[in-house]
Amino acid sequence: MLTFLSDYFEALKNVNNGNYGAAEQIFRGLVGQKPDDTNYLVHLAASILINGRDTMVEQNKVAGRMTPELRESFAEAERMLSRVIDLLSSKESKRRLVGAHINRSFARIMLGKQKGAIEDCEEALRVAPETKDAHLNKSKAEIELGAYFEALQSLQRYVELGGSTDFVIRDLALCYFRTGQITNAKDLLHGYLDRELVSEDITLAGLAVHVYDLACPR
């Protein structure tokens, strides 16, 4: 028991320091010993997603051009989170369940499963309507599907709930352009971009990952 706690807190220390690679390895060991522990599973999946996201940014990749190894890591995270959701469905653990749906939406967007990602976000919002990250990921999936009106509504709700406009400014501008609101797009981009907005400006690196509280599970 002491060894589990020692490893667990060492992994959390790595998460707190932004060292997700080291955290992932420790959580893998913990999950290997306790494969149905939802606390270890959610932390491992979150670490995998953040490592994958950071790798894509470093390699300047987009979702459709990721390596097979990277795609498998996102698929692994999706499987883990599906297991977590199954295990938590009959329990009173709202915060963790919402986080699992948000993170699975991230994995599904990276795997091209946009409709499934939207379903995850909608389920998270059904349980906790004020969850801004669910609106953010929902907007990303909607943009990928070309549903720009819906994406604009999701982005606006994200900002209303306290999300940073600067974080989503290019997605907002794109949605304004695609929905015919050219003046709004130009006003938003004034002083921010000195070139015409193009589709390549959309970055999946802006997806939200829910990192669980750095405390013992409640």
C-alpha atoms as a PDB file:
ATOM      1  CA  MET A   1       0.000   0.000   0.000  1.00  0.00           C
ATOM      2  CA  LEU A   2       2.799   2.398   0.885  1.00  0.00           C
ATOM      3  CA  THR A   3       4.517   1.651  -2.421  1.00  0.00           C
ATOM      4  CA  PHE A   4       1.319   2.487  -4.333  1.00  0.00           C
ATOM      5  CA  LEU A   5       0.952   5.775  -2.466  1.00  0.00           C
ATOM      6  CA  SER A   6       4.608   6.651  -2.960  1.00  0.00           C
ATOM      7  CA  ASP A   7       4.419   5.989  -6.714  1.00  0.00           C
ATOM      8  CA  TYR A   8       1.081   7.805  -6.970  1.00  0.00           C
ATOM      9  CA  PHE A   9       2.377  10.979  -5.343  1.00  0.00           C
ATOM     10  CA  GLU A  10       5.580  10.816  -7.372  1.00  0.00           C
ATOM     11  CA  ALA A  11       3.463  10.681 -10.531  1.00  0.00           C
ATOM     12  CA  LEU A  12       1.355  13.618  -9.334  1.00  0.00           C
ATOM     13  CA  LYS A  13       4.521  15.593  -8.639  1.00  0.00           C
ATOM     14  CA  ASN A  14       5.583  15.013 -12.233  1.00  0.00           C
ATOM     15  CA  VAL A  15       2.153  16.158 -13.464  1.00  0.00           C
ATOM     16  CA  ASN A  16       2.424  19.283 -11.335  1.00  0.00           C
ATOM     17  CA  ASN A  17       5.861  19.978 -12.849  1.00  0.00           C
ATOM     18  CA  GLY A  18       4.592  19.406 -16.390  1.00  0.00           C
ATOM     19  CA  ASN A  19       6.652  16.243 -16.830  1.00  0.00           C
ATOM     20  CA  TYR A  20       3.883  14.143 -18.346  1.00  0.00           C
ATOM     21  CA  GLY A  21       6.209  11.604 -19.901  1.00  0.00           C
ATOM     22  CA  ALA A  22       7.540  10.529 -16.501  1.00  0.00           C
ATOM     23  CA  ALA A  23       4.035  10.646 -15.044  1.00  0.00           C
ATOM     24  CA  GLU A  24       2.756   8.405 -17.834  1.00  0.00           C
ATOM     25  CA  GLN A  25       5.338   5.739 -17.107  1.00  0.00           C
ATOM     26  CA  ILE A  26       4.518   5.670 -13.383  1.00  0.00           C
ATOM     27  CA  PHE A  27       0.772   5.575 -13.993  1.00  0.00           C
ATOM     28  CA  ARG A  28       1.284   2.726 -16.465  1.00  0.00           C
ATOM     29  CA  GLY A  29       2.905   0.727 -13.708  1.00  0.00           C
ATOM     30  CA  LEU A  30       0.060   1.488 -11.311  1.00  0.00           C
ATOM     31  CA  VAL A  31      -2.598   0.592 -13.878  1.00  0.00           C
ATOM     32  CA  GLY A  32      -0.754  -2.630 -14.626  1.00  0.00           C
ATOM     33  CA  GLN A  33      -1.199  -3.622 -10.997  1.00  0.00           C
ATOM     34  CA  LYS A  34      -4.720  -2.234 -10.581  1.00  0.00           C
ATOM     35  CA  PRO A  35      -6.321  -2.204 -14.060  1.00  0.00           C
ATOM     36  CA  ASP A  36      -9.791  -1.154 -12.839  1.00  0.00           C
ATOM     37  CA  ASP A  37      -8.699   1.698 -10.597  1.00  0.00           C
ATOM     38  CA  THR A  38     -10.447   4.687 -12.198  1.00  0.00           C
ATOM     39  CA  ASN A  39      -8.147   7.152 -10.453  1.00  0.00           C
ATOM     40  CA  TYR A  40      -5.046   5.653 -12.060  1.00  0.00           C
ATOM     41  CA  LEU A  41      -6.805   5.192 -15.410  1.00  0.00           C
ATOM     42  CA  VAL A  42      -7.948   8.822 -15.724  1.00  0.00           C
ATOM     43  CA  HIS A  43      -4.505  10.126 -14.817  1.00  0.00           C
ATOM     44  CA  LEU A  44      -2.798   7.783 -17.278  1.00  0.00           C
ATOM     45  CA  ALA A  45      -5.195   8.694 -20.092  1.00  0.00           C
ATOM     46  CA  ALA A  46      -4.744  12.430 -19.423  1.00  0.00           C
ATOM     47  CA  SER A  47      -0.958  12.045 -19.480  1.00  0.00           C
ATOM     48  CA  ILE A  48      -1.122  10.129 -22.772  1.00  0.00           C
ATOM     49  CA  LEU A  49      -3.325  12.823 -24.333  1.00  0.00           C
ATOM     50  CA  ILE A  50      -1.097  15.685 -23.218  1.00  0.00           C
ATOM     51  CA  ASN A  51       2.035  13.876 -24.384  1.00  0.00           C
ATOM     52  CA  GLY A  52       0.362  13.236 -27.738  1.00  0.00           C
ATOM     53  CA  ARG A  53      -0.772  16.824 -28.080  1.00  0.00           C
ATOM     54  CA  ASP A  54       2.709  18.141 -27.245  1.00  0.00           C
ATOM     55  CA  THR A  55       4.301  15.722 -29.727  1.00  0.00           C
ATOM     56  CA  MET A  56       1.970  16.952 -32.476  1.00  0.00           C
ATOM     57  CA  VAL A  57       2.877  20.555 -31.742  1.00  0.00           C
ATOM     58  CA  GLU A  58       6.605  19.742 -31.753  1.00  0.00           C
ATOM     59  CA  GLN A  59       6.318  17.843 -35.038  1.00  0.00           C
ATOM     60  CA  ASN A  60       3.925  20.405 -36.548  1.00  0.00           C
ATOM     61  CA  LYS A  61       1.446  17.625 -37.298  1.00  0.00           C
ATOM     62  CA  VAL A  62      -2.291  17.762 -37.954  1.00  0.00           C
ATOM     63  CA  ALA A  63      -4.695  15.003 -36.939  1.00  0.00           C
ATOM     64  CA  GLY A  64      -4.929  13.489 -40.420  1.00  0.00           C
ATOM     65  CA  ARG A  65      -1.150  13.156 -40.759  1.00  0.00           C
ATOM     66  CA  MET A  66      -0.042  11.786 -37.403  1.00  0.00           C
ATOM     67  CA  THR A  67       2.209   8.769 -37.178  1.00  0.00           C
ATOM     68  CA  PRO A  68       0.648   5.314 -36.609  1.00  0.00           C
ATOM     69  CA  GLU A  69       2.293   5.214 -33.173  1.00  0.00           C
ATOM     70  CA  LEU A  70       0.740   8.518 -32.177  1.00  0.00           C
ATOM     71  CA  ARG A  71      -2.667   7.472 -33.493  1.00  0.00           C
ATOM     72  CA  GLU A  72      -2.474   4.287 -31.415  1.00  0.00           C
ATOM     73  CA  SER A  73      -1.679   6.306 -28.294  1.00  0.00           C
ATOM     74  CA  PHE A  74      -4.863   8.339 -28.782  1.00  0.00           C
ATOM     75  CA  ALA A  75      -6.806   5.127 -29.434  1.00  0.00           C
ATOM     76  CA  GLU A  76      -5.384   3.650 -26.231  1.00  0.00           C
ATOM     77  CA  ALA A  77      -6.493   6.713 -24.271  1.00  0.00           C
ATOM     78  CA  GLU A  78      -9.977   6.439 -25.793  1.00  0.00           C
ATOM     79  CA  ARG A  79     -10.227   2.795 -24.696  1.00  0.00           C
ATOM     80  CA  MET A  80      -9.108   3.640 -21.183  1.00  0.00           C
ATOM     81  CA  LEU A  81     -11.592   6.469 -20.860  1.00  0.00           C
ATOM     82  CA  SER A  82     -14.403   4.278 -22.176  1.00  0.00           C
ATOM     83  CA  ARG A  83     -13.532   1.827 -19.431  1.00  0.00           C
ATOM     84  CA  VAL A  84     -13.552   4.618 -16.850  1.00  0.00           C
ATOM     85  CA  ILE A  85     -16.959   5.835 -18.020  1.00  0.00           C
ATOM     86  CA  ASP A  86     -18.355   2.313 -17.798  1.00  0.00           C
ATOM     87  CA  LEU A  87     -16.968   1.890 -14.278  1.00  0.00           C
ATOM     88  CA  LEU A  88     -18.223   5.272 -13.077  1.00  0.00           C
ATOM     89  CA  SER A  89     -21.681   5.181 -14.641  1.00  0.00           C
ATOM     90  CA  SER A  90     -23.245   3.619 -11.549  1.00  0.00           C
ATOM     91  CA  LYS A  91     -21.260   5.666  -9.019  1.00  0.00           C
ATOM     92  CA  GLU A  92     -21.526   9.148  -7.540  1.00  0.00           C
ATOM     93  CA  SER A  93     -18.408  10.663  -9.077  1.00  0.00           C
ATOM     94  CA  LYS A  94     -19.637  13.548 -11.188  1.00  0.00           C
ATOM     95  CA  ARG A  95     -16.374  15.472 -11.457  1.00  0.00           C
ATOM     96  CA  ARG A  96     -14.366  12.487 -12.642  1.00  0.00           C
ATOM     97  CA  LEU A  97     -17.096  11.351 -15.042  1.00  0.00           C
ATOM     98  CA  VAL A  98     -17.315  14.801 -16.626  1.00  0.00           C
ATOM     99  CA  GLY A  99     -13.533  14.912 -16.985  1.00  0.00           C
ATOM    100  CA  ALA A 100     -13.514  11.467 -18.600  1.00  0.00           C
ATOM    101  CA  HIS A 101     -16.078  12.555 -21.193  1.00  0.00           C
ATOM    102  CA  ILE A 102     -14.111  15.735 -21.964  1.00  0.00           C
ATOM    103  CA  ASN A 103     -10.884  13.809 -22.381  1.00  0.00           C
ATOM    104  CA  ARG A 104     -12.512  11.107 -24.480  1.00  0.00           C
ATOM    105  CA  SER A 105     -13.869  13.866 -26.733  1.00  0.00           C
ATOM    106  CA  PHE A 106     -10.265  15.028 -27.195  1.00  0.00           C
ATOM    107  CA  ALA A 107      -9.128  11.515 -28.128  1.00  0.00           C
ATOM    108  CA  ARG A 108     -12.041  11.050 -30.506  1.00  0.00           C
ATOM    109  CA  ILE A 109     -11.394  14.352 -32.281  1.00  0.00           C
ATOM    110  CA  MET A 110      -7.799  13.305 -32.854  1.00  0.00           C
ATOM    111  CA  LEU A 111      -9.033   9.984 -34.229  1.00  0.00           C
ATOM    112  CA  GLY A 112     -11.517  11.652 -36.591  1.00  0.00           C
ATOM    113  CA  LYS A 113     -14.570  10.558 -34.572  1.00  0.00           C
ATOM    114  CA  GLN A 114     -16.184  13.985 -34.491  1.00  0.00           C
ATOM    115  CA  LYS A 115     -19.769  12.877 -33.868  1.00  0.00           C
ATOM    116  CA  GLY A 116     -18.683  10.714 -30.948  1.00  0.00           C
ATOM    117  CA  ALA A 117     -16.689  13.635 -29.581  1.00  0.00           C
ATOM    118  CA  ILE A 118     -19.761  15.875 -29.703  1.00  0.00           C
ATOM    119  CA  GLU A 119     -21.786  13.207 -27.894  1.00  0.00           C
ATOM    120  CA  ASP A 120     -19.148  13.144 -25.154  1.00  0.00           C
ATOM    121  CA  CYS A 121     -19.238  16.924 -24.797  1.00  0.00           C
ATOM    122  CA  GLU A 122     -23.021  16.949 -24.686  1.00  0.00           C
ATOM    123  CA  GLU A 123     -23.003  14.293 -21.973  1.00  0.00           C
ATOM    124  CA  ALA A 124     -20.478  16.314 -19.952  1.00  0.00           C
ATOM    125  CA  LEU A 125     -22.697  19.382 -20.327  1.00  0.00           C
ATOM    126  CA  ARG A 126     -25.779  17.421 -19.325  1.00  0.00           C
ATOM    127  CA  VAL A 127     -24.084  16.514 -16.056  1.00  0.00           C
ATOM    128  CA  ALA A 128     -22.333  19.865 -15.530  1.00  0.00           C
ATOM    129  CA  PRO A 129     -23.726  22.620 -17.832  1.00  0.00           C
ATOM    130  CA  GLU A 130     -21.117  25.208 -16.800  1.00  0.00           C
ATOM    131  CA  THR A 131     -18.138  23.145 -17.994  1.00  0.00           C
ATOM    132  CA  LYS A 132     -16.391  25.498 -20.405  1.00  0.00           C
ATOM    133  CA  ASP A 133     -13.901  22.916 -21.704  1.00  0.00           C
ATOM    134  CA  ALA A 134     -16.781  20.791 -22.997  1.00  0.00           C
ATOM    135  CA  HIS A 135     -17.916  23.762 -25.103  1.00  0.00           C
ATOM    136  CA  LEU A 136     -14.346  24.248 -26.346  1.00  0.00           C
ATOM    137  CA  ASN A 137     -13.886  20.655 -27.503  1.00  0.00           C
ATOM    138  CA  LYS A 138     -17.401  20.609 -28.918  1.00  0.00           C
ATOM    139  CA  SER A 139     -16.525  23.640 -31.052  1.00  0.00           C
ATOM    140  CA  LYS A 140     -13.433  21.878 -32.412  1.00  0.00           C
ATOM    141  CA  ALA A 141     -15.451  18.839 -33.476  1.00  0.00           C
ATOM    142  CA  GLU A 142     -18.118  21.057 -35.029  1.00  0.00           C
ATOM    143  CA  ILE A 143     -15.494  22.966 -37.021  1.00  0.00           C
ATOM    144  CA  GLU A 144     -14.075  19.689 -38.308  1.00  0.00           C
ATOM    145  CA  LEU A 145     -17.600  18.762 -39.464  1.00  0.00           C
ATOM    146  CA  GLY A 146     -18.122  22.162 -41.110  1.00  0.00           C
ATOM    147  CA  ALA A 147     -20.903  23.073 -38.644  1.00  0.00           C
ATOM    148  CA  TYR A 148     -19.736  26.664 -38.256  1.00  0.00           C
ATOM    149  CA  PHE A 149     -22.930  28.158 -36.821  1.00  0.00           C
ATOM    150  CA  GLU A 150     -22.965  25.540 -34.068  1.00  0.00           C
ATOM    151  CA  ALA A 151     -19.219  25.942 -33.494  1.00  0.00           C
ATOM    152  CA  LEU A 152     -19.631  29.697 -33.139  1.00  0.00           C
ATOM    153  CA  GLN A 153     -22.295  29.187 -30.475  1.00  0.00           C
ATOM    154  CA  SER A 154     -20.036  26.754 -28.612  1.00  0.00           C
ATOM    155  CA  LEU A 155     -17.096  29.164 -28.765  1.00  0.00           C
ATOM    156  CA  GLN A 156     -19.207  32.066 -27.553  1.00  0.00           C
ATOM    157  CA  ARG A 157     -20.486  29.978 -24.649  1.00  0.00           C
ATOM    158  CA  TYR A 158     -16.902  28.979 -23.833  1.00  0.00           C
ATOM    159  CA  VAL A 159     -15.938  32.650 -23.583  1.00  0.00           C
ATOM    160  CA  GLU A 160     -19.068  33.495 -21.557  1.00  0.00           C
ATOM    161  CA  LEU A 161     -18.061  30.855 -19.014  1.00  0.00           C
ATOM    162  CA  GLY A 162     -14.629  32.421 -18.549  1.00  0.00           C
ATOM    163  CA  GLY A 163     -12.595  30.948 -21.394  1.00  0.00           C
ATOM    164  CA  SER A 164      -9.966  33.209 -22.942  1.00  0.00           C
ATOM    165  CA  THR A 165     -10.908  34.925 -26.213  1.00  0.00           C
ATOM    166  CA  ASP A 166      -7.208  35.028 -27.124  1.00  0.00           C
ATOM    167  CA  PHE A 167      -7.071  31.233 -26.874  1.00  0.00           C
ATOM    168  CA  VAL A 168      -9.800  30.774 -29.511  1.00  0.00           C
ATOM    169  CA  ILE A 169      -9.473  33.954 -31.569  1.00  0.00           C
ATOM    170  CA  ARG A 170      -8.608  32.200 -34.829  1.00  0.00           C
ATOM    171  CA  ASP A 171     -11.433  29.684 -34.500  1.00  0.00           C
ATOM    172  CA  LEU A 172     -13.861  32.503 -33.724  1.00  0.00           C
ATOM    173  CA  ALA A 173     -12.681  34.455 -36.753  1.00  0.00           C
ATOM    174  CA  LEU A 174     -12.963  31.419 -38.994  1.00  0.00           C
ATOM    175  CA  CYS A 175     -16.524  30.790 -37.825  1.00  0.00           C
ATOM    176  CA  TYR A 176     -17.424  34.423 -38.402  1.00  0.00           C
ATOM    177  CA  PHE A 177     -16.015  34.227 -41.934  1.00  0.00           C
ATOM    178  CA  ARG A 178     -17.747  30.944 -42.733  1.00  0.00           C
ATOM    179  CA  THR A 179     -21.096  32.209 -41.429  1.00  0.00           C
ATOM    180  CA  GLY A 180     -20.920  35.430 -43.442  1.00  0.00           C
ATOM    181  CA  GLN A 181     -20.122  37.731 -40.523  1.00  0.00           C
ATOM    182  CA  ILE A 182     -17.133  39.322 -42.230  1.00  0.00           C
ATOM    183  CA  THR A 183     -17.149  42.568 -40.247  1.00  0.00           C
ATOM    184  CA  ASN A 184     -17.092  40.691 -36.946  1.00  0.00           C
ATOM    185  CA  ALA A 185     -14.188  38.586 -38.181  1.00  0.00           C
ATOM    186  CA  LYS A 186     -12.184  41.620 -39.284  1.00  0.00           C
ATOM    187  CA  ASP A 187     -12.860  43.461 -36.030  1.00  0.00           C
ATOM    188  CA  LEU A 188     -11.741  40.433 -34.041  1.00  0.00           C
ATOM    189  CA  LEU A 189      -8.531  40.018 -36.008  1.00  0.00           C
ATOM    190  CA  HIS A 190      -7.622  43.706 -36.182  1.00  0.00           C
ATOM    191  CA  GLY A 191      -4.129  44.057 -34.803  1.00  0.00           C
ATOM    192  CA  TYR A 192      -3.746  40.295 -34.364  1.00  0.00           C
ATOM    193  CA  LEU A 193      -3.104  38.928 -37.847  1.00  0.00           C
ATOM    194  CA  ASP A 194      -1.455  40.746 -40.711  1.00  0.00           C
ATOM    195  CA  ARG A 195      -2.478  38.208 -43.305  1.00  0.00           C
ATOM    196  CA  GLU A 196      -5.633  36.552 -44.554  1.00  0.00           C
ATOM    197  CA  LEU A 197      -7.004  33.805 -42.332  1.00  0.00           C
ATOM    198  CA  VAL A 198      -6.752  30.358 -43.893  1.00  0.00           C
ATOM    199  CA  SER A 199      -8.018  26.946 -42.853  1.00  0.00           C
ATOM    200  CA  GLU A 200      -4.531  25.880 -41.764  1.00  0.00           C
ATOM    201  CA  ASP A 201      -4.803  28.367 -38.894  1.00  0.00           C
ATOM    202  CA  ILE A 202      -7.096  25.967 -37.080  1.00  0.00           C
ATOM    203  CA  THR A 203      -5.045  24.137 -34.487  1.00  0.00           C
ATOM    204  CA  LEU A 204      -6.129  21.002 -32.689  1.00  0.00           C
ATOM    205  CA  ALA A 205      -3.435  21.821 -30.163  1.00  0.00           C
ATOM    206  CA  GLY A 206      -6.036  24.113 -28.602  1.00  0.00           C
ATOM    207  CA  LEU A 207      -8.154  21.209 -27.407  1.00  0.00           C
ATOM    208  CA  ALA A 208      -8.863  20.960 -23.712  1.00  0.00           C
ATOM    209  CA  VAL A 209      -7.559  18.135 -21.554  1.00  0.00           C
ATOM    210  CA  HIS A 210      -8.968  17.750 -18.061  1.00  0.00           C
ATOM    211  CA  VAL A 211      -6.111  17.252 -15.607  1.00  0.00           C
ATOM    212  CA  TYR A 212      -7.485  15.885 -12.390  1.00  0.00           C
ATOM    213  CA  ASP A 213      -6.949  17.542  -9.024  1.00  0.00           C
ATOM    214  CA  LEU A 214      -3.550  16.853  -7.502  1.00  0.00           C
ATOM    215  CA  ALA A 215      -5.046  15.287  -4.405  1.00  0.00           C
ATOM    216  CA  CYS A 216      -5.999  11.872  -3.131  1.00  0.00           C
ATOM    217  CA  PRO A 217      -9.210  10.621  -4.748  1.00  0.00           C
ATOM    218  CA  ARG A 218     -12.358  11.552  -2.877  1.00  0.00           C
END
